[in-house]
């Protein structure tokens, strides 16, 4: 049986996935959350998304990993987290003039 933290995190990922799909993104979950939790595609552009249930779980290492991954692959990398019962999307790196997930800060 999966532990409560895992289940809570997975439910949060599903919430993010559902929201992105409703906005027209094609979204897949990373197997075992590796290298990221979600991959979102829209208009031929790609965003790799790491979901954290709270922003307290976001470390400097996580940000550095996402920035490096985005630069290496030439794709947008994003942190999605919950703060005061609202979802926030933070673009860590984007090769695009206008980031794919820009302007989706709160909901």
PDB file of N, CA and C in Angstrom:
ATOM      1  N   UNK A   1       0.836  -1.184   0.000  1.00  0.00           N
ATOM      2  CA  UNK A   1       0.000   0.000   0.000  1.00  0.00           C
ATOM      3  C   UNK A   1       0.887   1.256   0.000  1.00  0.00           C
ATOM      4  N   UNK A   2       0.569   2.178  -0.871  1.00  0.00           N
ATOM      5  CA  UNK A   2       1.364   3.403  -0.980  1.00  0.00           C
ATOM      6  C   UNK A   2       1.181   4.265   0.268  1.00  0.00           C
ATOM      7  N   UNK A   3       2.230   5.008   0.612  1.00  0.00           N
ATOM      8  CA  UNK A   3       2.108   5.851   1.794  1.00  0.00           C
ATOM      9  C   UNK A   3       1.300   7.113   1.494  1.00  0.00           C
ATOM     10  N   UNK A   4       0.900   7.806   2.564  1.00  0.00           N
ATOM     11  CA  UNK A   4       0.019   8.978   2.430  1.00  0.00           C
ATOM     12  C   UNK A   4       0.683  10.129   1.684  1.00  0.00           C
ATOM     13  N   UNK A   5       1.991  10.340   1.919  1.00  0.00           N
ATOM     14  CA  UNK A   5       2.694  11.425   1.215  1.00  0.00           C
ATOM     15  C   UNK A   5       2.708  11.182  -0.281  1.00  0.00           C
ATOM     16  N   UNK A   6       2.974   9.944  -0.668  1.00  0.00           N
ATOM     17  CA  UNK A   6       2.991   9.588  -2.087  1.00  0.00           C
ATOM     18  C   UNK A   6       1.614   9.826  -2.705  1.00  0.00           C
ATOM     19  N   UNK A   7       0.583   9.350  -2.039  1.00  0.00           N
ATOM     20  CA  UNK A   7      -0.787   9.505  -2.554  1.00  0.00           C
ATOM     21  C   UNK A   7      -1.179  10.972  -2.658  1.00  0.00           C
ATOM     22  N   UNK A   8      -0.813  11.760  -1.674  1.00  0.00           N
ATOM     23  CA  UNK A   8      -1.114  13.190  -1.692  1.00  0.00           C
ATOM     24  C   UNK A   8      -0.410  13.873  -2.865  1.00  0.00           C
ATOM     25  N   UNK A   9       0.856  13.527  -3.071  1.00  0.00           N
ATOM     26  CA  UNK A   9       1.616  14.091  -4.185  1.00  0.00           C
ATOM     27  C   UNK A   9       1.044  13.667  -5.527  1.00  0.00           C
ATOM     28  N   UNK A  10       0.642  12.431  -5.607  1.00  0.00           N
ATOM     29  CA  UNK A  10       0.062  11.928  -6.861  1.00  0.00           C
ATOM     30  C   UNK A  10      -1.266  12.613  -7.170  1.00  0.00           C
ATOM     31  N   UNK A  11      -2.079  12.824  -6.154  1.00  0.00           N
ATOM     32  CA  UNK A  11      -3.346  13.551  -6.367  1.00  0.00           C
ATOM     33  C   UNK A  11      -3.080  14.978  -6.854  1.00  0.00           C
ATOM     34  N   UNK A  12      -2.047  15.608  -6.295  1.00  0.00           N
ATOM     35  CA  UNK A  12      -1.700  16.961  -6.735  1.00  0.00           C
ATOM     36  C   UNK A  12      -1.259  16.944  -8.199  1.00  0.00           C
ATOM     37  N   UNK A  13      -0.437  15.969  -8.587  1.00  0.00           N
ATOM     38  CA  UNK A  13      -0.027  15.825  -9.990  1.00  0.00           C
ATOM     39  C   UNK A  13      -1.247  15.668 -10.893  1.00  0.00           C
ATOM     40  N   UNK A  14      -2.196  14.850 -10.467  1.00  0.00           N
ATOM     41  CA  UNK A  14      -3.411  14.631 -11.263  1.00  0.00           C
ATOM     42  C   UNK A  14      -4.216  15.921 -11.403  1.00  0.00           C
ATOM     43  N   UNK A  15      -4.232  16.706 -10.344  1.00  0.00           N
ATOM     44  CA  UNK A  15      -4.928  18.008 -10.389  1.00  0.00           C
ATOM     45  C   UNK A  15      -4.275  18.935 -11.416  1.00  0.00           C
ATOM     46  N   UNK A  16      -2.949  18.981 -11.421  1.00  0.00           N
ATOM     47  CA  UNK A  16      -2.211  19.800 -12.385  1.00  0.00           C
ATOM     48  C   UNK A  16      -2.458  19.283 -13.801  1.00  0.00           C
ATOM     49  N   UNK A  17      -2.381  17.974 -13.969  1.00  0.00           N
ATOM     50  CA  UNK A  17      -2.596  17.362 -15.285  1.00  0.00           C
ATOM     51  C   UNK A  17      -3.989  17.688 -15.823  1.00  0.00           C
ATOM     52  N   UNK A  18      -4.979  17.557 -14.985  1.00  0.00           N
ATOM     53  CA  UNK A  18      -6.360  17.845 -15.393  1.00  0.00           C
ATOM     54  C   UNK A  18      -6.512  19.306 -15.827  1.00  0.00           C
ATOM     55  N   UNK A  19      -5.909  20.197 -15.074  1.00  0.00           N
ATOM     56  CA  UNK A  19      -6.001  21.631 -15.411  1.00  0.00           C
ATOM     57  C   UNK A  19      -5.342  21.924 -16.761  1.00  0.00           C
ATOM     58  N   UNK A  20      -4.151  21.370 -16.973  1.00  0.00           N
ATOM     59  CA  UNK A  20      -3.443  21.604 -18.231  1.00  0.00           C
ATOM     60  C   UNK A  20      -4.202  21.006 -19.421  1.00  0.00           C
ATOM     61  N   UNK A  21      -4.766  19.819 -19.244  1.00  0.00           N
ATOM     62  CA  UNK A  21      -5.546  19.190 -20.323  1.00  0.00           C
ATOM     63  C   UNK A  21      -6.757  20.051 -20.679  1.00  0.00           C
ATOM     64  N   UNK A  22      -7.389  20.630 -19.671  1.00  0.00           N
ATOM     65  CA  UNK A  22      -8.543  21.505 -19.912  1.00  0.00           C
ATOM     66  C   UNK A  22      -8.140  22.757 -20.694  1.00  0.00           C
ATOM     67  N   UNK A  23      -6.859  23.115 -20.630  1.00  0.00           N
ATOM     68  CA  UNK A  23      -6.348  24.287 -21.341  1.00  0.00           C
ATOM     69  C   UNK A  23      -5.802  23.918 -22.719  1.00  0.00           C
ATOM     70  N   UNK A  24      -5.997  22.671 -23.127  1.00  0.00           N
ATOM     71  CA  UNK A  24      -5.596  22.264 -24.466  1.00  0.00           C
ATOM     72  C   UNK A  24      -4.221  21.629 -24.597  1.00  0.00           C
ATOM     73  N   UNK A  25      -3.572  21.345 -23.484  1.00  0.00           N
ATOM     74  CA  UNK A  25      -2.267  20.697 -23.516  1.00  0.00           C
ATOM     75  C   UNK A  25      -2.444  19.189 -23.642  1.00  0.00           C
ATOM     76  N   UNK A  26      -1.519  18.541 -24.323  1.00  0.00           N
ATOM     77  CA  UNK A  26      -1.382  17.091 -24.285  1.00  0.00           C
ATOM     78  C   UNK A  26      -0.438  16.838 -23.126  1.00  0.00           C
ATOM     79  N   UNK A  27      -0.852  16.024 -22.154  1.00  0.00           N
ATOM     80  CA  UNK A  27      -0.058  15.849 -20.932  1.00  0.00           C
ATOM     81  C   UNK A  27       0.149  14.367 -20.646  1.00  0.00           C
ATOM     82  N   UNK A  28       1.395  14.009 -20.344  1.00  0.00           N
ATOM     83  CA  UNK A  28       1.710  12.650 -19.921  1.00  0.00           C
ATOM     84  C   UNK A  28       2.485  12.701 -18.608  1.00  0.00           C
ATOM     85  N   UNK A  29       2.320  11.651 -17.831  1.00  0.00           N
ATOM     86  CA  UNK A  29       3.006  11.549 -16.548  1.00  0.00           C
ATOM     87  C   UNK A  29       4.320  10.803 -16.748  1.00  0.00           C
ATOM     88  N   UNK A  30       5.380  11.311 -16.146  1.00  0.00           N
ATOM     89  CA  UNK A  30       6.675  10.647 -16.222  1.00  0.00           C
ATOM     90  C   UNK A  30       6.653   9.352 -15.423  1.00  0.00           C
ATOM     91  N   UNK A  31       7.164   8.283 -15.991  1.00  0.00           N
ATOM     92  CA  UNK A  31       7.217   6.999 -15.287  1.00  0.00           C
ATOM     93  C   UNK A  31       8.070   7.146 -14.035  1.00  0.00           C
ATOM     94  N   UNK A  32       7.476   6.880 -12.896  1.00  0.00           N
ATOM     95  CA  UNK A  32       8.222   7.014 -11.645  1.00  0.00           C
ATOM     96  C   UNK A  32       8.648   8.450 -11.380  1.00  0.00           C
ATOM     97  N   UNK A  33       7.963   9.391 -12.032  1.00  0.00           N
ATOM     98  CA  UNK A  33       8.276  10.826 -11.907  1.00  0.00           C
ATOM     99  C   UNK A  33       9.711  11.142 -12.322  1.00  0.00           C
ATOM    100  N   UNK A  34      10.241  10.373 -13.247  1.00  0.00           N
ATOM    101  CA  UNK A  34      11.600  10.606 -13.748  1.00  0.00           C
ATOM    102  C   UNK A  34      11.570  10.909 -15.235  1.00  0.00           C
ATOM    103  N   UNK A  35      12.267  11.872 -15.753  1.00  0.00           N
ATOM    104  CA  UNK A  35      13.080  12.830 -15.007  1.00  0.00           C
ATOM    105  C   UNK A  35      12.245  13.938 -14.360  1.00  0.00           C
ATOM    106  N   UNK A  36      10.965  14.050 -14.740  1.00  0.00           N
ATOM    107  CA  UNK A  36      10.057  15.033 -14.143  1.00  0.00           C
ATOM    108  C   UNK A  36       8.689  14.378 -13.968  1.00  0.00           C
ATOM    109  N   UNK A  37       7.791  15.086 -13.293  1.00  0.00           N
ATOM    110  CA  UNK A  37       6.464  14.530 -13.031  1.00  0.00           C
ATOM    111  C   UNK A  37       5.567  14.507 -14.267  1.00  0.00           C
ATOM    112  N   UNK A  38       5.538  15.626 -15.007  1.00  0.00           N
ATOM    113  CA  UNK A  38       4.648  15.745 -16.158  1.00  0.00           C
ATOM    114  C   UNK A  38       5.370  16.349 -17.363  1.00  0.00           C
ATOM    115  N   UNK A  39       4.926  15.936 -18.543  1.00  0.00           N
ATOM    116  CA  UNK A  39       5.389  16.540 -19.791  1.00  0.00           C
ATOM    117  C   UNK A  39       4.140  17.095 -20.469  1.00  0.00           C
ATOM    118  N   UNK A  40       4.143  18.397 -20.740  1.00  0.00           N
ATOM    119  CA  UNK A  40       3.001  19.055 -21.369  1.00  0.00           C
ATOM    120  C   UNK A  40       3.425  19.585 -22.736  1.00  0.00           C
ATOM    121  N   UNK A  41       2.583  19.339 -23.740  1.00  0.00           N
ATOM    122  CA  UNK A  41       2.896  19.758 -25.114  1.00  0.00           C
ATOM    123  C   UNK A  41       1.701  20.514 -25.675  1.00  0.00           C
ATOM    124  N   UNK A  42       1.996  21.627 -26.327  1.00  0.00           N
ATOM    125  CA  UNK A  42       0.951  22.422 -26.970  1.00  0.00           C
ATOM    126  C   UNK A  42       1.599  23.229 -28.087  1.00  0.00           C
ATOM    127  N   UNK A  43       1.000  23.156 -29.256  1.00  0.00           N
ATOM    128  CA  UNK A  43       1.521  23.928 -30.384  1.00  0.00           C
ATOM    129  C   UNK A  43       2.946  23.560 -30.759  1.00  0.00           C
ATOM    130  N   UNK A  44       3.313  22.306 -30.546  1.00  0.00           N
ATOM    131  CA  UNK A  44       4.660  21.856 -30.885  1.00  0.00           C
ATOM    132  C   UNK A  44       5.728  22.265 -29.886  1.00  0.00           C
ATOM    133  N   UNK A  45       5.325  22.886 -28.798  1.00  0.00           N
ATOM    134  CA  UNK A  45       6.282  23.302 -27.767  1.00  0.00           C
ATOM    135  C   UNK A  45       6.115  22.422 -26.536  1.00  0.00           C
ATOM    136  N   UNK A  46       7.209  22.236 -25.814  1.00  0.00           N
ATOM    137  CA  UNK A  46       7.236  21.277 -24.708  1.00  0.00           C
ATOM    138  C   UNK A  46       7.581  21.967 -23.394  1.00  0.00           C
ATOM    139  N   UNK A  47       6.880  21.559 -22.334  1.00  0.00           N
ATOM    140  CA  UNK A  47       7.201  22.007 -20.975  1.00  0.00           C
ATOM    141  C   UNK A  47       7.336  20.779 -20.084  1.00  0.00           C
ATOM    142  N   UNK A  48       8.433  20.724 -19.334  1.00  0.00           N
ATOM    143  CA  UNK A  48       8.642  19.675 -18.342  1.00  0.00           C
ATOM    144  C   UNK A  48       8.266  20.260 -16.991  1.00  0.00           C
ATOM    145  N   UNK A  49       7.391  19.563 -16.280  1.00  0.00           N
ATOM    146  CA  UNK A  49       6.819  20.124 -15.057  1.00  0.00           C
ATOM    147  C   UNK A  49       7.117  19.244 -13.859  1.00  0.00           C
ATOM    148  N   UNK A  50       7.654  19.867 -12.829  1.00  0.00           N
ATOM    149  CA  UNK A  50       7.892  19.205 -11.553  1.00  0.00           C
ATOM    150  C   UNK A  50       6.837  19.720 -10.573  1.00  0.00           C
ATOM    151  N   UNK A  51       6.058  18.815  -9.998  1.00  0.00           N
ATOM    152  CA  UNK A  51       4.974  19.181  -9.093  1.00  0.00           C
ATOM    153  C   UNK A  51       5.405  18.979  -7.641  1.00  0.00           C
ATOM    154  N   UNK A  52       5.174  19.985  -6.831  1.00  0.00           N
ATOM    155  CA  UNK A  52       5.468  19.900  -5.400  1.00  0.00           C
ATOM    156  C   UNK A  52       4.217  20.324  -4.643  1.00  0.00           C
ATOM    157  N   UNK A  53       3.795  19.497  -3.711  1.00  0.00           N
ATOM    158  CA  UNK A  53       2.563  19.758  -2.964  1.00  0.00           C
ATOM    159  C   UNK A  53       2.605  21.100  -2.248  1.00  0.00           C
ATOM    160  N   UNK A  54       3.772  21.474  -1.740  1.00  0.00           N
ATOM    161  CA  UNK A  54       3.924  22.796  -1.119  1.00  0.00           C
ATOM    162  C   UNK A  54       5.245  23.405  -1.587  1.00  0.00           C
ATOM    163  N   UNK A  55       5.326  24.707  -1.541  1.00  0.00           N
ATOM    164  CA  UNK A  55       6.566  25.343  -1.999  1.00  0.00           C
ATOM    165  C   UNK A  55       7.724  25.107  -1.038  1.00  0.00           C
ATOM    166  N   UNK A  56       7.413  24.673   0.184  1.00  0.00           N
ATOM    167  CA  UNK A  56       8.470  24.335   1.143  1.00  0.00           C
ATOM    168  C   UNK A  56       9.323  23.161   0.655  1.00  0.00           C
ATOM    169  N   UNK A  57       8.768  22.339  -0.207  1.00  0.00           N
ATOM    170  CA  UNK A  57       9.487  21.171  -0.721  1.00  0.00           C
ATOM    171  C   UNK A  57      10.428  21.503  -1.881  1.00  0.00           C
ATOM    172  N   UNK A  58      10.397  22.748  -2.348  1.00  0.00           N
ATOM    173  CA  UNK A  58      11.231  23.142  -3.483  1.00  0.00           C
ATOM    174  C   UNK A  58      12.611  23.555  -2.967  1.00  0.00           C
ATOM    175  N   UNK A  59      13.623  22.843  -3.438  1.00  0.00           N
ATOM    176  CA  UNK A  59      14.990  23.128  -2.995  1.00  0.00           C
ATOM    177  C   UNK A  59      15.770  23.843  -4.094  1.00  0.00           C
ATOM    178  N   UNK A  60      16.905  24.400  -3.714  1.00  0.00           N
ATOM    179  CA  UNK A  60      17.808  25.023  -4.680  1.00  0.00           C
ATOM    180  C   UNK A  60      18.274  23.976  -5.688  1.00  0.00           C
ATOM    181  N   UNK A  61      18.522  22.763  -5.209  1.00  0.00           N
ATOM    182  CA  UNK A  61      18.936  21.678  -6.108  1.00  0.00           C
ATOM    183  C   UNK A  61      17.863  21.371  -7.146  1.00  0.00           C
ATOM    184  N   UNK A  62      16.598  21.410  -6.749  1.00  0.00           N
ATOM    185  CA  UNK A  62      15.497  21.165  -7.689  1.00  0.00           C
ATOM    186  C   UNK A  62      15.486  22.233  -8.774  1.00  0.00           C
ATOM    187  N   UNK A  63      15.620  23.482  -8.379  1.00  0.00           N
ATOM    188  CA  UNK A  63      15.645  24.582  -9.353  1.00  0.00           C
ATOM    189  C   UNK A  63      16.832  24.448 -10.314  1.00  0.00           C
ATOM    190  N   UNK A  64      17.993  24.142  -9.768  1.00  0.00           N
ATOM    191  CA  UNK A  64      19.191  23.985 -10.589  1.00  0.00           C
ATOM    192  C   UNK A  64      19.038  22.819 -11.562  1.00  0.00           C
ATOM    193  N   UNK A  65      18.495  21.713 -11.080  1.00  0.00           N
ATOM    194  CA  UNK A  65      18.258  20.549 -11.936  1.00  0.00           C
ATOM    195  C   UNK A  65      17.328  20.916 -13.095  1.00  0.00           C
ATOM    196  N   UNK A  66      16.230  21.609 -12.794  1.00  0.00           N
ATOM    197  CA  UNK A  66      15.279  21.977 -13.851  1.00  0.00           C
ATOM    198  C   UNK A  66      15.883  22.963 -14.841  1.00  0.00           C
ATOM    199  N   UNK A  67      16.648  23.915 -14.347  1.00  0.00           N
ATOM    200  CA  UNK A  67      17.287  24.871 -15.256  1.00  0.00           C
ATOM    201  C   UNK A  67      18.273  24.155 -16.181  1.00  0.00           C
ATOM    202  N   UNK A  68      19.088  23.282 -15.616  1.00  0.00           N
ATOM    203  CA  UNK A  68      20.061  22.530 -16.413  1.00  0.00           C
ATOM    204  C   UNK A  68      19.364  21.638 -17.433  1.00  0.00           C
ATOM    205  N   UNK A  69      18.326  20.938 -17.006  1.00  0.00           N
ATOM    206  CA  UNK A  69      17.571  20.057 -17.896  1.00  0.00           C
ATOM    207  C   UNK A  69      16.949  20.849 -19.047  1.00  0.00           C
ATOM    208  N   UNK A  70      16.354  21.989 -18.730  1.00  0.00           N
ATOM    209  CA  UNK A  70      15.748  22.836 -19.759  1.00  0.00           C
ATOM    210  C   UNK A  70      16.767  23.321 -20.781  1.00  0.00           C
ATOM    211  N   UNK A  71      17.916  23.757 -20.311  1.00  0.00           N
ATOM    212  CA  UNK A  71      18.979  24.225 -21.217  1.00  0.00           C
ATOM    213  C   UNK A  71      19.507  23.091 -22.095  1.00  0.00           C
ATOM    214  N   UNK A  72      19.719  21.934 -21.501  1.00  0.00           N
ATOM    215  CA  UNK A  72      20.244  20.790 -22.259  1.00  0.00           C
ATOM    216  C   UNK A  72      19.272  20.330 -23.346  1.00  0.00           C
ATOM    217  N   UNK A  73      17.976  20.315 -23.030  1.00  0.00           N
ATOM    218  CA  UNK A  73      16.980  19.804 -23.959  1.00  0.00           C
ATOM    219  C   UNK A  73      16.328  20.888 -24.823  1.00  0.00           C
ATOM    220  N   UNK A  74      16.534  22.146 -24.461  1.00  0.00           N
ATOM    221  CA  UNK A  74      15.935  23.240 -25.218  1.00  0.00           C
ATOM    222  C   UNK A  74      14.429  23.324 -25.046  1.00  0.00           C
ATOM    223  N   UNK A  75      13.960  23.005 -23.820  1.00  0.00           N
ATOM    224  CA  UNK A  75      12.532  23.044 -23.523  1.00  0.00           C
ATOM    225  C   UNK A  75      12.285  23.864 -22.263  1.00  0.00           C
ATOM    226  N   UNK A  76      11.040  24.240 -22.058  1.00  0.00           N
ATOM    227  CA  UNK A  76      10.653  24.987 -20.870  1.00  0.00           C
ATOM    228  C   UNK A  76      10.583  24.042 -19.673  1.00  0.00           C
ATOM    229  N   UNK A  77      11.036  24.516 -18.516  1.00  0.00           N
ATOM    230  CA  UNK A  77      10.890  23.746 -17.281  1.00  0.00           C
ATOM    231  C   UNK A  77      10.127  24.599 -16.275  1.00  0.00           C
ATOM    232  N   UNK A  78       9.244  23.937 -15.546  1.00  0.00           N
ATOM    233  CA  UNK A  78       8.286  24.647 -14.693  1.00  0.00           C
ATOM    234  C   UNK A  78       8.132  23.929 -13.358  1.00  0.00           C
ATOM    235  N   UNK A  79       7.999  24.717 -12.307  1.00  0.00           N
ATOM    236  CA  UNK A  79       7.616  24.199 -11.000  1.00  0.00           C
ATOM    237  C   UNK A  79       6.132  24.498 -10.806  1.00  0.00           C
ATOM    238  N   UNK A  80       5.362  23.493 -10.429  1.00  0.00           N
ATOM    239  CA  UNK A  80       3.952  23.685 -10.080  1.00  0.00           C
ATOM    240  C   UNK A  80       3.834  23.356  -8.601  1.00  0.00           C
ATOM    241  N   UNK A  81       3.255  24.276  -7.832  1.00  0.00           N
ATOM    242  CA  UNK A  81       3.131  24.024  -6.403  1.00  0.00           C
ATOM    243  C   UNK A  81       1.857  24.644  -5.852  1.00  0.00           C
ATOM    244  N   UNK A  82       1.506  24.180  -4.683  1.00  0.00           N
ATOM    245  CA  UNK A  82       0.318  24.647  -3.995  1.00  0.00           C
ATOM    246  C   UNK A  82       0.748  25.611  -2.891  1.00  0.00           C
ATOM    247  N   UNK A  83       0.078  26.753  -2.801  1.00  0.00           N
ATOM    248  CA  UNK A  83       0.350  27.706  -1.728  1.00  0.00           C
ATOM    249  C   UNK A  83      -0.968  28.352  -1.349  1.00  0.00           C
ATOM    250  N   UNK A  84      -1.337  28.185  -0.103  1.00  0.00           N
ATOM    251  CA  UNK A  84      -2.609  28.716   0.403  1.00  0.00           C
ATOM    252  C   UNK A  84      -3.784  28.277  -0.469  1.00  0.00           C
ATOM    253  N   UNK A  85      -3.794  26.991  -0.778  1.00  0.00           N
ATOM    254  CA  UNK A  85      -4.858  26.361  -1.572  1.00  0.00           C
ATOM    255  C   UNK A  85      -4.999  26.921  -2.987  1.00  0.00           C
ATOM    256  N   UNK A  86      -3.925  27.463  -3.528  1.00  0.00           N
ATOM    257  CA  UNK A  86      -3.907  27.942  -4.911  1.00  0.00           C
ATOM    258  C   UNK A  86      -2.730  27.316  -5.632  1.00  0.00           C
ATOM    259  N   UNK A  87      -2.929  27.034  -6.915  1.00  0.00           N
ATOM    260  CA  UNK A  87      -1.861  26.461  -7.728  1.00  0.00           C
ATOM    261  C   UNK A  87      -1.043  27.587  -8.341  1.00  0.00           C
ATOM    262  N   UNK A  88       0.263  27.459  -8.259  1.00  0.00           N
ATOM    263  CA  UNK A  88       1.167  28.414  -8.879  1.00  0.00           C
ATOM    264  C   UNK A  88       2.060  27.674  -9.866  1.00  0.00           C
ATOM    265  N   UNK A  89       2.310  28.290 -11.015  1.00  0.00           N
ATOM    266  CA  UNK A  89       3.265  27.781 -11.999  1.00  0.00           C
ATOM    267  C   UNK A  89       4.410  28.778 -12.056  1.00  0.00           C
ATOM    268  N   UNK A  90       5.613  28.287 -11.844  1.00  0.00           N
ATOM    269  CA  UNK A  90       6.802  29.132 -11.898  1.00  0.00           C
ATOM    270  C   UNK A  90       7.722  28.614 -13.001  1.00  0.00           C
ATOM    271  N   UNK A  91       7.924  29.419 -14.023  1.00  0.00           N
ATOM    272  CA  UNK A  91       8.818  29.028 -15.112  1.00  0.00           C
ATOM    273  C   UNK A  91      10.257  29.164 -14.610  1.00  0.00           C
ATOM    274  N   UNK A  92      10.984  28.060 -14.603  1.00  0.00           N
ATOM    275  CA  UNK A  92      12.382  28.053 -14.157  1.00  0.00           C
ATOM    276  C   UNK A  92      13.290  28.398 -15.329  1.00  0.00           C
ATOM    277  N   UNK A  93      12.994  27.821 -16.488  1.00  0.00           N
ATOM    278  CA  UNK A  93      13.782  28.102 -17.698  1.00  0.00           C
ATOM    279  C   UNK A  93      12.857  28.003 -18.903  1.00  0.00           C
ATOM    280  N   UNK A  94      13.059  28.895 -19.855  1.00  0.00           N
ATOM    281  CA  UNK A  94      12.312  28.813 -21.107  1.00  0.00           C
ATOM    282  C   UNK A  94      13.155  29.314 -22.265  1.00  0.00           C
ATOM    283  N   UNK A  95      13.242  28.518 -23.339  1.00  0.00           N
ATOM    284  CA  UNK A  95      13.953  28.963 -24.531  1.00  0.00           C
ATOM    285  C   UNK A  95      13.053  29.801 -25.441  1.00  0.00           C
ATOM    286  N   UNK A  96      11.777  29.899 -25.074  1.00  0.00           N
ATOM    287  CA  UNK A  96      10.799  30.574 -25.916  1.00  0.00           C
ATOM    288  C   UNK A  96      10.719  32.065 -25.590  1.00  0.00           C
ATOM    289  N   UNK A  97      10.489  32.872 -26.630  1.00  0.00           N
ATOM    290  CA  UNK A  97      10.353  34.314 -26.423  1.00  0.00           C
ATOM    291  C   UNK A  97       9.220  34.601 -25.437  1.00  0.00           C
ATOM    292  N   UNK A  98       8.115  33.910 -25.616  1.00  0.00           N
ATOM    293  CA  UNK A  98       7.005  33.992 -24.668  1.00  0.00           C
ATOM    294  C   UNK A  98       6.827  32.580 -24.086  1.00  0.00           C
ATOM    295  N   UNK A  99       7.153  32.402 -22.815  1.00  0.00           N
ATOM    296  CA  UNK A  99       7.054  31.072 -22.223  1.00  0.00           C
ATOM    297  C   UNK A  99       5.672  30.443 -22.404  1.00  0.00           C
ATOM    298  N   UNK A 100       5.657  29.150 -22.578  1.00  0.00           N
ATOM    299  CA  UNK A 100       4.440  28.390 -22.809  1.00  0.00           C
ATOM    300  C   UNK A 100       3.468  28.511 -21.635  1.00  0.00           C
ATOM    301  N   UNK A 101       3.969  28.490 -20.426  1.00  0.00           N
ATOM    302  CA  UNK A 101       3.115  28.552 -19.252  1.00  0.00           C
ATOM    303  C   UNK A 101       3.131  29.923 -18.558  1.00  0.00           C
ATOM    304  N   UNK A 102       3.601  30.931 -19.247  1.00  0.00           N
ATOM    305  CA  UNK A 102       3.598  32.281 -18.704  1.00  0.00           C
ATOM    306  C   UNK A 102       2.169  32.762 -18.523  1.00  0.00           C
ATOM    307  N   UNK A 103       1.919  33.464 -17.439  1.00  0.00           N
ATOM    308  CA  UNK A 103       0.592  34.018 -17.210  1.00  0.00           C
ATOM    309  C   UNK A 103      -0.363  33.035 -16.553  1.00  0.00           C
ATOM    310  N   UNK A 104       0.138  31.854 -16.194  1.00  0.00           N
ATOM    311  CA  UNK A 104      -0.715  30.878 -15.526  1.00  0.00           C
ATOM    312  C   UNK A 104      -0.368  30.813 -14.050  1.00  0.00           C
ATOM    313  N   UNK A 105       0.060  31.918 -13.498  1.00  0.00           N
ATOM    314  CA  UNK A 105       0.578  31.958 -12.147  1.00  0.00           C
ATOM    315  C   UNK A 105      -0.327  31.458 -11.053  1.00  0.00           C
ATOM    316  N   UNK A 106      -1.599  31.767 -11.066  1.00  0.00           N
ATOM    317  CA  UNK A 106      -2.451  31.408  -9.928  1.00  0.00           C
ATOM    318  C   UNK A 106      -3.772  30.836 -10.431  1.00  0.00           C
ATOM    319  N   UNK A 107      -4.354  30.035  -9.574  1.00  0.00           N
ATOM    320  CA  UNK A 107      -5.727  29.585  -9.832  1.00  0.00           C
ATOM    321  C   UNK A 107      -6.345  29.092  -8.559  1.00  0.00           C
TER     322      UNK A 107
END
